[in-house]
Amino acid sequence: MRSVEHDWLRRMLWGCTFDDFLNPPGWGIAESRKGISLASCFSANIKLNLPIISANMDTITGTRMAVAIAKEGGIGVIHRYLGIDDQSEKVKEVKREENFIIVEPYCISPSVSVSEARNFMEKNKVGGLVVIDENDRLLGVLSKRDIRFCSGSELVESRMTASTKLITAKISDTSLAYARSLMDVR
């Protein structure tokens, strides 16, 4: 009978398979799967909740993949063959998607045509725009749903949801629990 040390040496020299790492029940030190952490470090300053990293290849990691991996606790590395401006734009898209509260939403004037608003939404990959006046006061919100079946010649002000119909709160004194309770209006 061979010793355990001899088996590990043989495996390190010849390679391992999935079955080589299967521990028999009772050999582990964890009491349950809930007590196991998969957290690891990507670098000295970046910690991951899940040790999954998508490759920095144009066919692998774009904005959608980076967002999906980040939501699971990993990291998506934007591919290296983009120019610096394009790379920073991709990172901005990913970071914007990760925000629970969008501090600087995309805004539009009420006098803009629906076709211009639709193009602006597609360009920035968003589903809604905040409608403001020349003094940056909130007038309403325009979503893709508001303009789904309308012609492009109409103005934003005729299709937007007016601010009087919106539920709003100041960001400075609103907790997540309070914001959640506001959204649970029936």
Protein backbone atom coordinates (compact mmCIF):
# COMPACT_ATOMS: atom_id res chain seq x y z
CA MET A 1 0.00 0.00 0.00
CA ARG A 2 1.36 3.41 -1.00
CA SER A 3 1.49 6.37 1.34
CA VAL A 4 -0.62 9.51 0.83
CA GLU A 5 2.56 11.55 0.27
CA HIS A 6 3.59 9.23 -2.55
CA ASP A 7 0.15 9.66 -4.23
CA TRP A 8 0.38 13.46 -4.09
CA LEU A 9 3.90 13.42 -5.53
CA ARG A 10 2.74 11.15 -8.38
CA ARG A 11 -0.24 13.42 -9.08
CA MET A 12 1.88 16.57 -9.11
CA LEU A 13 4.25 14.99 -11.65
CA TRP A 14 1.62 13.41 -13.93
CA GLY A 15 -1.34 15.79 -13.56
CA CYS A 16 -4.66 15.52 -11.78
CA THR A 17 -8.27 14.84 -12.66
CA PHE A 18 -11.48 15.89 -10.96
CA ASP A 19 -11.71 12.59 -9.07
CA ASP A 20 -8.26 13.18 -7.53
CA PHE A 21 -9.72 16.03 -5.51
CA LEU A 22 -12.87 14.32 -4.32
CA ASN A 23 -12.72 14.01 -0.54
CA PRO A 24 -14.62 11.18 1.10
CA PRO A 25 -17.41 12.35 3.46
CA GLY A 26 -16.11 13.33 6.89
CA TRP A 27 -12.59 14.27 5.73
CA GLY A 28 -13.25 17.98 5.39
CA ILE A 29 -13.05 20.53 8.19
CA ALA A 30 -16.09 22.59 7.12
CA GLU A 31 -19.30 21.84 8.99
CA SER A 32 -21.45 22.94 6.06
CA ARG A 33 -21.15 24.54 2.63
CA LYS A 34 -22.39 27.83 4.09
CA GLY A 35 -19.20 28.11 6.13
CA ILE A 36 -16.93 27.97 3.09
CA SER A 37 -15.59 31.17 1.58
CA LEU A 38 -14.41 31.30 -2.02
CA ALA A 39 -13.07 34.84 -1.62
CA SER A 40 -9.64 35.42 -3.11
CA CYS A 41 -7.40 38.28 -4.21
CA PHE A 42 -7.03 39.36 -7.83
CA SER A 43 -4.34 41.85 -6.81
CA ALA A 44 -3.19 43.57 -3.63
CA ASN A 45 -6.15 45.97 -3.75
CA ILE A 46 -8.85 43.95 -5.53
CA LYS A 47 -10.70 41.22 -3.66
CA LEU A 48 -13.11 38.84 -5.38
CA ASN A 49 -16.03 37.05 -3.76
CA LEU A 50 -15.81 34.33 -6.38
CA PRO A 51 -12.50 33.26 -7.95
CA ILE A 52 -13.73 33.56 -11.53
CA ILE A 53 -12.04 35.86 -14.02
CA SER A 54 -13.07 36.15 -17.65
CA ALA A 55 -10.27 36.41 -20.19
CA ASN A 56 -9.10 39.69 -21.67
CA MET A 57 -10.05 38.64 -25.20
CA ASP A 58 -12.40 40.49 -27.53
CA THR A 59 -14.44 37.33 -28.16
CA ILE A 60 -14.79 36.64 -24.43
CA THR A 61 -15.11 39.80 -22.34
CA GLY A 62 -17.21 42.70 -23.50
CA THR A 63 -19.41 44.91 -21.37
CA ARG A 64 -22.19 42.32 -20.95
CA MET A 65 -19.79 39.57 -19.85
CA ALA A 66 -17.92 41.89 -17.46
CA VAL A 67 -21.23 42.94 -15.87
CA ALA A 68 -22.45 39.33 -15.55
CA ILE A 69 -19.18 38.16 -13.98
CA ALA A 70 -19.09 41.15 -11.60
CA LYS A 71 -22.65 40.49 -10.42
CA GLU A 72 -21.57 36.99 -9.41
CA GLY A 73 -18.53 38.30 -7.48
CA GLY A 74 -15.80 37.77 -10.08
CA ILE A 75 -14.07 40.13 -12.48
CA GLY A 76 -14.14 40.55 -16.23
CA VAL A 77 -10.96 41.92 -17.77
CA ILE A 78 -11.73 44.16 -20.76
CA HIS A 79 -9.70 43.02 -23.75
CA ARG A 80 -6.36 44.61 -24.44
CA TYR A 81 -6.71 45.47 -28.12
CA LEU A 82 -8.97 48.45 -27.52
CA GLY A 83 -7.59 51.96 -27.48
CA ILE A 84 -7.33 53.73 -24.13
CA ASP A 85 -10.48 55.79 -24.76
CA ASP A 86 -12.47 52.72 -25.76
CA GLN A 87 -11.21 50.78 -22.73
CA SER A 88 -12.21 53.56 -20.35
CA GLU A 89 -15.63 53.79 -22.04
CA LYS A 90 -16.19 50.03 -21.51
CA VAL A 91 -15.18 50.35 -17.85
CA LYS A 92 -17.63 53.27 -17.42
CA GLU A 93 -20.41 51.15 -18.91
CA VAL A 94 -19.68 48.31 -16.49
CA LYS A 95 -19.42 50.60 -13.45
CA ARG A 96 -22.65 52.39 -14.39
CA GLU A 97 -24.46 49.05 -14.57
CA GLU A 98 -23.21 48.07 -11.11
CA ASN A 99 -24.60 51.16 -9.37
CA PHE A 100 -27.74 50.64 -7.32
CA ILE A 101 -28.39 54.39 -7.41
CA ILE A 102 -27.41 56.27 -10.55
CA VAL A 103 -26.07 59.57 -9.26
CA GLU A 104 -25.62 61.18 -12.69
CA PRO A 105 -28.46 59.95 -14.92
CA TYR A 106 -28.64 60.78 -18.61
CA CYS A 107 -30.85 63.82 -19.10
CA ILE A 108 -32.79 65.25 -22.00
CA SER A 109 -34.81 68.36 -22.77
CA PRO A 110 -38.62 68.16 -23.15
CA SER A 111 -38.41 69.90 -26.54
CA VAL A 112 -36.33 67.15 -28.16
CA SER A 113 -38.02 64.80 -30.63
CA VAL A 114 -38.76 61.20 -29.68
CA SER A 115 -36.49 59.94 -32.46
CA GLU A 116 -33.56 61.92 -31.00
CA ALA A 117 -34.36 60.56 -27.54
CA ARG A 118 -34.55 57.00 -28.92
CA ASN A 119 -31.15 57.42 -30.62
CA PHE A 120 -29.67 58.83 -27.39
CA MET A 121 -30.98 55.83 -25.42
CA GLU A 122 -29.55 53.36 -27.94
CA LYS A 123 -26.19 55.14 -28.06
CA ASN A 124 -25.85 55.11 -24.26
CA LYS A 125 -27.49 51.68 -23.83
CA VAL A 126 -30.09 52.89 -21.33
CA GLY A 127 -33.82 52.32 -21.05
CA GLY A 128 -34.79 55.68 -19.61
CA LEU A 129 -33.90 59.36 -19.51
CA VAL A 130 -34.56 62.07 -16.96
CA VAL A 131 -36.37 65.03 -18.50
CA ILE A 132 -35.17 68.39 -17.13
CA ASP A 133 -35.72 72.04 -17.95
CA GLU A 134 -33.03 74.67 -18.58
CA ASN A 135 -32.64 75.16 -14.78
CA ASP A 136 -32.00 71.42 -14.21
CA ARG A 137 -35.39 70.96 -12.53
CA LEU A 138 -37.02 67.55 -12.87
CA LEU A 139 -39.96 67.57 -15.28
CA GLY A 140 -40.41 63.85 -15.75
CA VAL A 141 -38.96 60.60 -17.00
CA LEU A 142 -38.98 59.12 -20.50
CA SER A 143 -38.63 55.35 -20.79
CA LYS A 144 -38.46 53.01 -23.76
CA ARG A 145 -41.93 51.84 -22.80
CA ASP A 146 -43.24 55.42 -23.24
CA ILE A 147 -42.00 55.62 -26.83
CA ARG A 148 -42.31 52.00 -27.98
CA PHE A 149 -45.12 52.52 -30.51
CA CYS A 150 -44.99 56.24 -31.25
CA SER A 151 -43.63 58.03 -34.30
CA GLY A 152 -40.30 59.79 -33.99
CA SER A 153 -41.69 63.23 -34.78
CA GLU A 154 -43.49 63.72 -31.45
CA LEU A 155 -41.79 65.72 -28.69
CA VAL A 156 -40.51 64.17 -25.48
CA GLU A 157 -42.85 66.33 -23.37
CA SER A 158 -45.89 64.68 -24.96
CA ARG A 159 -44.71 61.13 -24.13
CA MET A 160 -42.86 61.46 -20.79
CA THR A 161 -44.23 60.49 -17.39
CA ALA A 162 -44.65 63.81 -15.57
CA SER A 163 -42.84 64.45 -12.28
CA THR A 164 -46.20 64.73 -10.50
CA LYS A 165 -46.74 61.01 -11.17
CA LEU A 166 -43.25 59.97 -9.99
CA ILE A 167 -42.28 58.80 -6.51
CA THR A 168 -39.15 60.71 -5.53
CA ALA A 169 -36.92 61.16 -2.49
CA LYS A 170 -33.76 63.11 -1.70
CA ILE A 171 -30.65 60.98 -1.93
CA SER A 172 -29.03 62.61 1.10
CA ASP A 173 -31.55 61.43 3.67
CA THR A 174 -32.96 58.25 2.08
CA SER A 175 -31.87 54.85 3.34
CA LEU A 176 -32.12 51.76 1.15
CA ALA A 177 -34.85 50.40 3.42
CA TYR A 178 -36.90 53.60 3.01
CA ALA A 179 -36.33 53.60 -0.77
CA ARG A 180 -37.47 49.99 -0.93
CA SER A 181 -40.63 50.85 1.03
CA LEU A 182 -41.37 53.69 -1.40
CA MET A 183 -41.10 51.29 -4.35
CA ASP A 184 -43.52 48.86 -2.71
CA VAL A 185 -46.53 51.12 -3.32
CA ARG A 186 -49.59 49.34 -4.64
